[in-house]
Amino acid sequence: MGKLIRRPDIWVSLAFFLLMIPAERYELFSSLENWLLGNRHIVRLNTLEPEETQFAYDDIVIVDTEEQFFEEYGSWPLKRADIAKLTTNIKKLGAEVIALDMLMDFPNGYGEDPILAEAMEKTGNTIVVAQLEFGSDGKFKGVNYPTETLKVAAENGYTNHTLIGNKLSRVRF
C-alpha cells in the first residue's frame, strides 16, 4: 500500500479524473468540441478545392415552408390532405426518403389523417417526427408520438430543441 501512495502517476490520474467531473457537468467539452469543429470546417473550406467541399445538392433536397409560402397558401398549418399531395408529388419527382419535420400529435379536425397515412404508405420510406419531452429539471418524461394513424403508416424519428452549452441547437434523428 505504501508503494501505491508514492506513485505520482496514480495521483495525476486521480486529479485528472476529478477535474473531468465538473468539466463534463458544465459542458466545457461540448463548447470546445463545437469551437474545434467550426474551425476545422473553416480550414477545410479555405484549403481544399470547392469540388471536394461542396454539399451534395443533387442528392438532398429540403422543401421548406416559409412565411411567404403560408401567406400565399392562406392558412396555417398545412392541411393534411395537402401534405399528402406534397408527399406524393415529391415521391414522383424521385425522392428516396421523405421526412416530414412537423409534429402531428393531435388528430386532424377534418378527418384527413387517413388520407395522409395512405399517401405515406404508398410513397414508402417516409418519416414522421415524434418529440422527446423533458421536465424543467432536464429529466426525460416521455415521447410525444404522432397520431396512431400516422405512426403506423410511416417510420418515426424525433426532433427536439436542445441546449448545447448556452446555445440552442435543433437535433434531428
N, C-alpha and C. Protein backbone atom coordinates (compact mmCIF):
# COMPACT_ATOMS: atom_id res chain seq x y z
N MET A 1 0.82 -1.19 0.00
CA MET A 1 0.00 0.00 0.00
C MET A 1 0.86 1.26 0.00
N GLY A 2 1.97 1.22 0.71
CA GLY A 2 2.87 2.36 0.78
C GLY A 2 3.44 2.71 -0.58
N LYS A 3 3.72 1.68 -1.41
CA LYS A 3 4.26 1.94 -2.75
C LYS A 3 3.22 2.63 -3.64
N LEU A 4 1.94 2.29 -3.45
CA LEU A 4 0.89 2.92 -4.25
C LEU A 4 0.78 4.41 -3.94
N ILE A 5 0.93 4.78 -2.69
CA ILE A 5 0.82 6.18 -2.29
C ILE A 5 1.96 7.01 -2.86
N ARG A 6 3.13 6.40 -3.04
CA ARG A 6 4.30 7.14 -3.53
C ARG A 6 4.36 7.24 -5.06
N ARG A 7 3.39 6.67 -5.75
CA ARG A 7 3.42 6.71 -7.22
C ARG A 7 2.72 7.97 -7.73
N PRO A 8 3.46 8.87 -8.36
CA PRO A 8 2.85 10.13 -8.82
C PRO A 8 1.86 9.93 -9.97
N ASP A 9 2.04 8.88 -10.77
CA ASP A 9 1.13 8.68 -11.90
C ASP A 9 -0.30 8.40 -11.42
N ILE A 10 -0.44 7.72 -10.30
CA ILE A 10 -1.78 7.46 -9.76
C ILE A 10 -2.42 8.77 -9.31
N TRP A 11 -1.65 9.63 -8.64
CA TRP A 11 -2.18 10.91 -8.17
C TRP A 11 -2.54 11.82 -9.33
N VAL A 12 -1.72 11.83 -10.36
CA VAL A 12 -2.02 12.66 -11.54
C VAL A 12 -3.29 12.15 -12.22
N SER A 13 -3.40 10.83 -12.37
CA SER A 13 -4.61 10.24 -12.98
C SER A 13 -5.85 10.56 -12.16
N LEU A 14 -5.74 10.45 -10.85
CA LEU A 14 -6.87 10.75 -9.97
C LEU A 14 -7.26 12.23 -10.07
N ALA A 15 -6.26 13.11 -10.12
CA ALA A 15 -6.53 14.54 -10.24
C ALA A 15 -7.25 14.85 -11.56
N PHE A 16 -6.77 14.26 -12.67
CA PHE A 16 -7.44 14.46 -13.96
C PHE A 16 -8.87 13.95 -13.91
N PHE A 17 -9.06 12.80 -13.32
CA PHE A 17 -10.40 12.22 -13.21
C PHE A 17 -11.33 13.17 -12.45
N LEU A 18 -10.87 13.67 -11.32
CA LEU A 18 -11.69 14.57 -10.51
C LEU A 18 -11.96 15.90 -11.21
N LEU A 19 -11.01 16.38 -12.01
CA LEU A 19 -11.22 17.62 -12.77
C LEU A 19 -12.23 17.42 -13.91
N MET A 20 -12.31 16.22 -14.44
CA MET A 20 -13.21 15.95 -15.55
C MET A 20 -14.67 15.95 -15.13
N ILE A 21 -14.96 15.66 -13.89
CA ILE A 21 -16.35 15.62 -13.44
C ILE A 21 -17.02 16.99 -13.59
N PRO A 22 -16.48 18.06 -13.02
CA PRO A 22 -17.14 19.36 -13.24
C PRO A 22 -17.03 19.84 -14.69
N ALA A 23 -15.95 19.49 -15.37
CA ALA A 23 -15.80 19.90 -16.77
C ALA A 23 -16.92 19.30 -17.62
N GLU A 24 -17.24 18.05 -17.37
CA GLU A 24 -18.33 17.40 -18.11
C GLU A 24 -19.68 17.96 -17.66
N ARG A 25 -19.83 18.19 -16.40
CA ARG A 25 -21.10 18.70 -15.86
C ARG A 25 -21.44 20.07 -16.45
N TYR A 26 -20.46 20.93 -16.59
CA TYR A 26 -20.69 22.27 -17.13
C TYR A 26 -20.44 22.35 -18.64
N GLU A 27 -20.38 21.21 -19.29
CA GLU A 27 -20.30 21.08 -20.75
C GLU A 27 -19.14 21.85 -21.36
N LEU A 28 -18.02 21.87 -20.68
CA LEU A 28 -16.84 22.52 -21.24
C LEU A 28 -16.36 21.80 -22.48
N PHE A 29 -16.51 20.48 -22.49
CA PHE A 29 -16.07 19.71 -23.66
C PHE A 29 -16.96 19.96 -24.86
N SER A 30 -18.27 20.11 -24.65
CA SER A 30 -19.18 20.39 -25.77
C SER A 30 -18.84 21.72 -26.41
N SER A 31 -18.59 22.73 -25.59
CA SER A 31 -18.25 24.04 -26.13
C SER A 31 -16.93 23.98 -26.90
N LEU A 32 -15.96 23.30 -26.35
CA LEU A 32 -14.67 23.14 -27.01
C LEU A 32 -14.82 22.36 -28.31
N GLU A 33 -15.64 21.30 -28.27
CA GLU A 33 -15.85 20.49 -29.47
C GLU A 33 -16.51 21.32 -30.57
N ASN A 34 -17.53 22.11 -30.22
CA ASN A 34 -18.20 22.96 -31.22
C ASN A 34 -17.22 23.95 -31.84
N TRP A 35 -16.38 24.56 -31.01
CA TRP A 35 -15.40 25.52 -31.50
C TRP A 35 -14.40 24.84 -32.43
N LEU A 36 -13.91 23.66 -32.03
CA LEU A 36 -12.94 22.94 -32.86
C LEU A 36 -13.55 22.49 -34.18
N LEU A 37 -14.79 22.00 -34.14
CA LEU A 37 -15.44 21.58 -35.38
C LEU A 37 -15.65 22.76 -36.32
N GLY A 38 -16.05 23.90 -35.77
CA GLY A 38 -16.23 25.09 -36.59
C GLY A 38 -14.93 25.50 -37.27
N ASN A 39 -13.85 25.53 -36.51
CA ASN A 39 -12.55 25.89 -37.09
C ASN A 39 -12.07 24.85 -38.08
N ARG A 40 -12.37 23.59 -37.83
CA ARG A 40 -11.99 22.53 -38.78
C ARG A 40 -12.66 22.78 -40.14
N HIS A 41 -13.94 23.13 -40.11
CA HIS A 41 -14.65 23.37 -41.36
C HIS A 41 -14.16 24.63 -42.05
N ILE A 42 -13.81 25.64 -41.29
CA ILE A 42 -13.25 26.86 -41.89
C ILE A 42 -11.94 26.54 -42.61
N VAL A 43 -11.08 25.76 -41.97
CA VAL A 43 -9.80 25.37 -42.59
C VAL A 43 -10.07 24.52 -43.83
N ARG A 44 -11.00 23.57 -43.73
CA ARG A 44 -11.34 22.72 -44.89
C ARG A 44 -11.80 23.56 -46.07
N LEU A 45 -12.71 24.48 -45.81
CA LEU A 45 -13.26 25.29 -46.89
C LEU A 45 -12.22 26.20 -47.52
N ASN A 46 -11.24 26.63 -46.75
CA ASN A 46 -10.23 27.54 -47.27
C ASN A 46 -9.02 26.85 -47.89
N THR A 47 -8.87 25.56 -47.67
CA THR A 47 -7.68 24.87 -48.19
C THR A 47 -7.98 23.85 -49.28
N LEU A 48 -9.18 23.29 -49.30
CA LEU A 48 -9.50 22.28 -50.31
C LEU A 48 -10.18 22.91 -51.52
N GLU A 49 -10.17 22.17 -52.60
CA GLU A 49 -10.86 22.61 -53.81
C GLU A 49 -12.37 22.62 -53.56
N PRO A 50 -13.10 23.54 -54.18
CA PRO A 50 -14.56 23.62 -53.95
C PRO A 50 -15.29 22.31 -54.26
N GLU A 51 -14.81 21.55 -55.25
CA GLU A 51 -15.47 20.29 -55.60
C GLU A 51 -15.41 19.29 -54.45
N GLU A 52 -14.39 19.40 -53.62
CA GLU A 52 -14.22 18.46 -52.52
C GLU A 52 -15.02 18.84 -51.28
N THR A 53 -15.50 20.06 -51.22
CA THR A 53 -16.20 20.50 -50.02
C THR A 53 -17.66 20.87 -50.26
N GLN A 54 -18.12 20.74 -51.49
CA GLN A 54 -19.50 21.14 -51.79
C GLN A 54 -20.49 20.14 -51.21
N PHE A 55 -21.63 20.66 -50.82
CA PHE A 55 -22.73 19.85 -50.32
C PHE A 55 -23.34 19.09 -51.49
N ALA A 56 -23.83 17.90 -51.23
CA ALA A 56 -24.40 17.06 -52.28
C ALA A 56 -25.80 17.56 -52.64
N TYR A 57 -25.86 18.70 -53.33
CA TYR A 57 -27.15 19.31 -53.66
C TYR A 57 -28.00 18.41 -54.55
N ASP A 58 -27.36 17.59 -55.36
CA ASP A 58 -28.12 16.72 -56.24
C ASP A 58 -28.76 15.57 -55.49
N ASP A 59 -28.25 15.26 -54.30
CA ASP A 59 -28.74 14.10 -53.56
C ASP A 59 -29.75 14.45 -52.48
N ILE A 60 -29.68 15.64 -51.94
CA ILE A 60 -30.56 16.02 -50.83
C ILE A 60 -31.29 17.31 -51.19
N VAL A 61 -32.59 17.28 -51.05
CA VAL A 61 -33.40 18.47 -51.31
C VAL A 61 -34.24 18.74 -50.07
N ILE A 62 -34.22 19.97 -49.62
CA ILE A 62 -35.03 20.37 -48.48
C ILE A 62 -36.15 21.26 -49.00
N VAL A 63 -37.38 20.82 -48.80
CA VAL A 63 -38.54 21.61 -49.18
C VAL A 63 -38.99 22.33 -47.93
N ASP A 64 -38.81 23.64 -47.92
CA ASP A 64 -39.08 24.42 -46.72
C ASP A 64 -40.32 25.28 -46.92
N THR A 65 -41.17 25.31 -45.93
CA THR A 65 -42.35 26.16 -45.98
C THR A 65 -42.09 27.37 -45.09
N GLU A 66 -41.95 28.52 -45.73
CA GLU A 66 -41.62 29.75 -45.01
C GLU A 66 -42.85 30.65 -44.93
N GLU A 67 -42.68 31.81 -44.31
CA GLU A 67 -43.79 32.74 -44.12
C GLU A 67 -44.46 33.12 -45.44
N GLN A 68 -43.65 33.38 -46.47
CA GLN A 68 -44.22 33.77 -47.76
C GLN A 68 -45.10 32.65 -48.32
N PHE A 69 -44.67 31.41 -48.15
CA PHE A 69 -45.47 30.27 -48.60
C PHE A 69 -46.83 30.28 -47.91
N PHE A 70 -46.83 30.45 -46.60
CA PHE A 70 -48.09 30.41 -45.86
C PHE A 70 -48.99 31.61 -46.19
N GLU A 71 -48.39 32.75 -46.53
CA GLU A 71 -49.20 33.89 -46.96
C GLU A 71 -49.93 33.56 -48.25
N GLU A 72 -49.24 32.91 -49.18
CA GLU A 72 -49.88 32.51 -50.44
C GLU A 72 -50.86 31.37 -50.22
N TYR A 73 -50.53 30.46 -49.34
CA TYR A 73 -51.39 29.30 -49.04
C TYR A 73 -52.68 29.75 -48.37
N GLY A 74 -52.59 30.77 -47.53
CA GLY A 74 -53.79 31.34 -46.94
C GLY A 74 -54.15 30.83 -45.56
N SER A 75 -53.43 29.88 -45.03
CA SER A 75 -53.72 29.41 -43.68
C SER A 75 -52.50 28.70 -43.11
N TRP A 76 -52.59 28.45 -41.82
CA TRP A 76 -51.54 27.70 -41.15
C TRP A 76 -52.22 26.87 -40.08
N PRO A 77 -51.89 25.65 -39.88
CA PRO A 77 -50.88 24.84 -40.56
C PRO A 77 -51.40 24.29 -41.87
N LEU A 78 -50.55 23.54 -42.54
CA LEU A 78 -50.95 22.89 -43.78
C LEU A 78 -52.04 21.86 -43.49
N LYS A 79 -52.98 21.75 -44.41
CA LYS A 79 -53.99 20.69 -44.29
C LYS A 79 -53.28 19.37 -44.56
N ARG A 80 -53.68 18.35 -43.86
CA ARG A 80 -53.00 17.06 -44.02
C ARG A 80 -53.25 16.46 -45.40
N ALA A 81 -54.38 16.78 -46.01
CA ALA A 81 -54.62 16.33 -47.39
C ALA A 81 -53.61 16.98 -48.33
N ASP A 82 -53.25 18.23 -48.07
CA ASP A 82 -52.25 18.92 -48.89
C ASP A 82 -50.85 18.36 -48.62
N ILE A 83 -50.58 18.00 -47.38
CA ILE A 83 -49.29 17.35 -47.07
C ILE A 83 -49.22 16.02 -47.81
N ALA A 84 -50.34 15.32 -47.91
CA ALA A 84 -50.38 14.06 -48.65
C ALA A 84 -50.06 14.30 -50.13
N LYS A 85 -50.63 15.37 -50.71
CA LYS A 85 -50.34 15.70 -52.11
C LYS A 85 -48.86 16.04 -52.29
N LEU A 86 -48.32 16.84 -51.36
CA LEU A 86 -46.89 17.18 -51.43
C LEU A 86 -46.03 15.92 -51.36
N THR A 87 -46.36 15.04 -50.44
CA THR A 87 -45.60 13.80 -50.28
C THR A 87 -45.64 12.97 -51.55
N THR A 88 -46.82 12.84 -52.13
CA THR A 88 -46.98 12.06 -53.36
C THR A 88 -46.19 12.69 -54.51
N ASN A 89 -46.28 14.01 -54.65
CA ASN A 89 -45.56 14.70 -55.73
C ASN A 89 -44.05 14.64 -55.55
N ILE A 90 -43.59 14.78 -54.32
CA ILE A 90 -42.14 14.69 -54.07
C ILE A 90 -41.64 13.30 -54.41
N LYS A 91 -42.43 12.28 -54.09
CA LYS A 91 -42.05 10.91 -54.44
C LYS A 91 -42.00 10.73 -55.96
N LYS A 92 -42.97 11.31 -56.67
CA LYS A 92 -42.98 11.23 -58.13
C LYS A 92 -41.76 11.89 -58.75
N LEU A 93 -41.23 12.90 -58.06
CA LEU A 93 -40.03 13.59 -58.54
C LEU A 93 -38.76 12.78 -58.28
N GLY A 94 -38.89 11.64 -57.59
CA GLY A 94 -37.74 10.76 -57.41
C GLY A 94 -37.16 10.67 -56.02
N ALA A 95 -37.85 11.19 -55.03
CA ALA A 95 -37.32 11.13 -53.66
C ALA A 95 -37.25 9.68 -53.18
N GLU A 96 -36.14 9.35 -52.55
CA GLU A 96 -35.99 8.01 -51.98
C GLU A 96 -36.46 7.97 -50.53
N VAL A 97 -36.29 9.07 -49.82
CA VAL A 97 -36.73 9.18 -48.42
C VAL A 97 -37.38 10.55 -48.25
N ILE A 98 -38.50 10.58 -47.54
CA ILE A 98 -39.18 11.84 -47.26
C ILE A 98 -39.35 11.94 -45.75
N ALA A 99 -38.87 13.04 -45.19
CA ALA A 99 -39.01 13.28 -43.75
C ALA A 99 -39.91 14.49 -43.54
N LEU A 100 -41.00 14.29 -42.84
CA LEU A 100 -41.92 15.37 -42.53
C LEU A 100 -41.60 15.88 -41.13
N ASP A 101 -40.93 17.02 -41.07
CA ASP A 101 -40.49 17.57 -39.79
C ASP A 101 -41.55 18.51 -39.23
N MET A 102 -42.72 17.94 -38.99
CA MET A 102 -43.80 18.68 -38.33
C MET A 102 -44.50 17.70 -37.41
N LEU A 103 -44.63 18.09 -36.17
CA LEU A 103 -45.24 17.22 -35.18
C LEU A 103 -46.75 17.21 -35.39
N MET A 104 -47.29 16.04 -35.66
CA MET A 104 -48.73 15.89 -35.87
C MET A 104 -49.26 14.95 -34.79
N ASP A 105 -49.28 15.46 -33.56
CA ASP A 105 -49.63 14.62 -32.43
C ASP A 105 -51.11 14.64 -32.06
N PHE A 106 -51.89 15.50 -32.72
CA PHE A 106 -53.33 15.52 -32.48
C PHE A 106 -54.04 15.13 -33.77
N PRO A 107 -55.15 14.40 -33.66
CA PRO A 107 -55.90 14.04 -34.86
C PRO A 107 -56.38 15.30 -35.58
N ASN A 108 -56.40 15.22 -36.89
CA ASN A 108 -56.85 16.33 -37.71
C ASN A 108 -58.35 16.52 -37.55
N GLY A 109 -58.78 17.76 -37.38
CA GLY A 109 -60.19 18.06 -37.17
C GLY A 109 -61.06 17.80 -38.39
N TYR A 110 -60.45 17.67 -39.55
CA TYR A 110 -61.21 17.45 -40.78
C TYR A 110 -61.18 15.99 -41.22
N GLY A 111 -60.63 15.12 -40.38
CA GLY A 111 -60.59 13.70 -40.71
C GLY A 111 -59.63 13.37 -41.84
N GLU A 112 -58.54 14.14 -41.98
CA GLU A 112 -57.61 13.94 -43.08
C GLU A 112 -56.44 13.03 -42.74
N ASP A 113 -56.36 12.54 -41.51
CA ASP A 113 -55.25 11.65 -41.14
C ASP A 113 -55.19 10.39 -42.02
N PRO A 114 -56.32 9.72 -42.30
CA PRO A 114 -56.25 8.54 -43.16
C PRO A 114 -55.74 8.85 -44.58
N ILE A 115 -56.05 10.05 -45.08
CA ILE A 115 -55.58 10.45 -46.41
C ILE A 115 -54.06 10.56 -46.41
N LEU A 116 -53.52 11.23 -45.39
CA LEU A 116 -52.06 11.37 -45.28
C LEU A 116 -51.40 10.02 -45.02
N ALA A 117 -52.00 9.21 -44.17
CA ALA A 117 -51.44 7.88 -43.87
C ALA A 117 -51.36 7.03 -45.13
N GLU A 118 -52.40 7.08 -45.95
CA GLU A 118 -52.40 6.31 -47.20
C GLU A 118 -51.31 6.80 -48.14
N ALA A 119 -51.14 8.11 -48.24
CA ALA A 119 -50.09 8.67 -49.10
C ALA A 119 -48.71 8.26 -48.60
N MET A 120 -48.51 8.27 -47.28
CA MET A 120 -47.21 7.88 -46.73
C MET A 120 -46.93 6.40 -46.96
N GLU A 121 -47.95 5.57 -46.85
CA GLU A 121 -47.77 4.14 -47.11
C GLU A 121 -47.42 3.89 -48.57
N LYS A 122 -48.07 4.63 -49.48
CA LYS A 122 -47.80 4.46 -50.91
C LYS A 122 -46.40 4.93 -51.29
N THR A 123 -45.96 6.04 -50.72
CA THR A 123 -44.64 6.56 -51.07
C THR A 123 -43.54 5.72 -50.45
N GLY A 124 -43.79 5.13 -49.30
CA GLY A 124 -42.76 4.33 -48.63
C GLY A 124 -41.61 5.22 -48.17
N ASN A 125 -40.79 4.72 -47.30
CA ASN A 125 -39.62 5.45 -46.78
C ASN A 125 -39.97 6.87 -46.35
N THR A 126 -41.08 7.01 -45.66
CA THR A 126 -41.48 8.30 -45.12
C THR A 126 -41.29 8.29 -43.61
N ILE A 127 -40.79 9.40 -43.10
CA ILE A 127 -40.54 9.51 -41.67
C ILE A 127 -41.39 10.66 -41.14
N VAL A 128 -42.11 10.41 -40.05
CA VAL A 128 -42.80 11.49 -39.34
C VAL A 128 -42.12 11.64 -37.99
N VAL A 129 -42.16 12.84 -37.45
CA VAL A 129 -41.40 13.09 -36.23
C VAL A 129 -42.23 12.86 -34.98
N ALA A 130 -41.51 12.47 -33.95
CA ALA A 130 -42.02 12.44 -32.59
C ALA A 130 -41.19 13.45 -31.81
N GLN A 131 -41.60 13.73 -30.60
CA GLN A 131 -40.89 14.73 -29.81
C GLN A 131 -40.57 14.13 -28.44
N LEU A 132 -39.31 14.25 -28.04
CA LEU A 132 -38.92 13.82 -26.71
C LEU A 132 -39.31 14.92 -25.73
N GLU A 133 -39.89 14.53 -24.62
CA GLU A 133 -40.31 15.51 -23.62
C GLU A 133 -39.41 15.42 -22.39
N PHE A 134 -38.94 16.58 -21.95
CA PHE A 134 -38.11 16.67 -20.76
C PHE A 134 -38.76 17.65 -19.80
N GLY A 135 -38.65 17.36 -18.51
CA GLY A 135 -39.18 18.25 -17.49
C GLY A 135 -38.27 19.45 -17.31
N SER A 136 -38.70 20.38 -16.47
CA SER A 136 -37.89 21.58 -16.21
C SER A 136 -36.57 21.23 -15.53
N ASP A 137 -36.52 20.05 -14.91
CA ASP A 137 -35.28 19.60 -14.27
C ASP A 137 -34.36 18.89 -15.26
N GLY A 138 -34.79 18.77 -16.53
CA GLY A 138 -33.96 18.15 -17.55
C GLY A 138 -34.11 16.64 -17.63
N LYS A 139 -34.97 16.06 -16.81
CA LYS A 139 -35.15 14.61 -16.83
C LYS A 139 -36.15 14.21 -17.90
N PHE A 140 -35.87 13.08 -18.53
CA PHE A 140 -36.72 12.56 -19.60
C PHE A 140 -38.09 12.19 -19.04
N LYS A 141 -39.16 12.68 -19.69
CA LYS A 141 -40.52 12.39 -19.25
C LYS A 141 -41.21 11.37 -20.15
N GLY A 142 -40.96 11.43 -21.45
CA GLY A 142 -41.64 10.52 -22.36
C GLY A 142 -41.48 10.97 -23.80
N VAL A 143 -42.19 10.27 -24.68
CA VAL A 143 -42.15 10.57 -26.11
C VAL A 143 -43.54 10.99 -26.56
N ASN A 144 -43.61 12.08 -27.27
CA ASN A 144 -44.86 12.59 -27.83
C ASN A 144 -44.91 12.14 -29.29
N TYR A 145 -45.63 11.05 -29.56
CA TYR A 145 -45.69 10.46 -30.90
C TYR A 145 -46.74 11.14 -31.76
N PRO A 146 -46.64 10.97 -33.08
CA PRO A 146 -47.74 11.43 -33.94
C PRO A 146 -48.98 10.58 -33.67
N THR A 147 -50.09 10.96 -34.27
CA THR A 147 -51.33 10.20 -34.06
C THR A 147 -51.11 8.74 -34.45
N GLU A 148 -51.88 7.88 -33.88
CA GLU A 148 -51.72 6.44 -34.12
C GLU A 148 -51.85 6.11 -35.60
N THR A 149 -52.76 6.77 -36.30
CA THR A 149 -52.96 6.53 -37.74
C THR A 149 -51.68 6.83 -38.52
N LEU A 150 -51.02 7.93 -38.18
CA LEU A 150 -49.79 8.32 -38.88
C LEU A 150 -48.59 7.51 -38.39
N LYS A 151 -48.60 7.17 -37.12
CA LYS A 151 -47.48 6.43 -36.53
C LYS A 151 -47.30 5.07 -37.19
N VAL A 152 -48.40 4.39 -37.49
CA VAL A 152 -48.29 3.05 -38.09
C VAL A 152 -48.05 3.12 -39.59
N ALA A 153 -48.29 4.29 -40.21
CA ALA A 153 -48.14 4.42 -41.66
C ALA A 153 -46.72 4.73 -42.09
N ALA A 154 -45.88 5.17 -41.15
CA ALA A 154 -44.53 5.60 -41.52
C ALA A 154 -43.57 5.28 -40.39
N GLU A 155 -42.29 5.44 -40.70
CA GLU A 155 -41.27 5.32 -39.66
C GLU A 155 -41.32 6.56 -38.78
N ASN A 156 -40.79 6.44 -37.58
CA ASN A 156 -40.78 7.58 -36.65
C ASN A 156 -39.36 7.95 -36.31
N GLY A 157 -39.09 9.23 -36.34
CA GLY A 157 -37.83 9.78 -35.86
C GLY A 157 -38.18 10.79 -34.79
N TYR A 158 -37.22 11.56 -34.33
CA TYR A 158 -37.60 12.61 -33.39
C TYR A 158 -36.87 13.90 -33.71
N THR A 159 -37.47 14.97 -33.27
CA THR A 159 -36.87 16.28 -33.43
C THR A 159 -37.01 17.02 -32.11
N ASN A 160 -36.01 17.73 -31.74
CA ASN A 160 -36.03 18.43 -30.45
C ASN A 160 -35.19 19.68 -30.50
N HIS A 161 -35.51 20.61 -29.64
CA HIS A 161 -34.64 21.75 -29.37
C HIS A 161 -33.87 21.41 -28.12
N THR A 162 -32.57 21.43 -28.19
CA THR A 162 -31.76 21.10 -27.03
C THR A 162 -30.73 22.19 -26.81
N LEU A 163 -30.28 22.31 -25.59
CA LEU A 163 -29.23 23.27 -25.27
C LEU A 163 -27.88 22.59 -25.33
N ILE A 164 -26.96 23.18 -26.05
CA ILE A 164 -25.58 22.74 -26.05
C ILE A 164 -24.79 23.93 -25.52
N GLY A 165 -24.27 23.78 -24.33
CA GLY A 165 -23.68 24.94 -23.67
C GLY A 165 -24.81 25.92 -23.40
N ASN A 166 -24.69 27.13 -23.88
CA ASN A 166 -25.78 28.09 -23.72
C ASN A 166 -26.39 28.45 -25.07
N LYS A 167 -26.18 27.60 -26.07
CA LYS A 167 -26.71 27.84 -27.40
C LYS A 167 -27.82 26.84 -27.70
N LEU A 168 -28.87 27.30 -28.38
CA LEU A 168 -29.97 26.44 -28.76
C LEU A 168 -29.61 25.71 -30.04
N SER A 169 -29.82 24.42 -30.06
CA SER A 169 -29.48 23.62 -31.23
C SER A 169 -30.64 22.70 -31.55
N ARG A 170 -30.97 22.57 -32.82
CA ARG A 170 -32.04 21.66 -33.22
C ARG A 170 -31.41 20.34 -33.62
N VAL A 171 -31.89 19.28 -33.04
CA VAL A 171 -31.32 17.96 -33.30
C VAL A 171 -32.38 17.11 -33.96
N ARG A 172 -32.04 16.47 -35.06
CA ARG A 172 -32.98 15.58 -35.75
C ARG A 172 -32.35 14.22 -35.93
N PHE A 173 -33.13 13.19 -35.70
CA PHE A 173 -32.66 11.82 -35.93
C PHE A 173 -33.69 11.05 -36.69
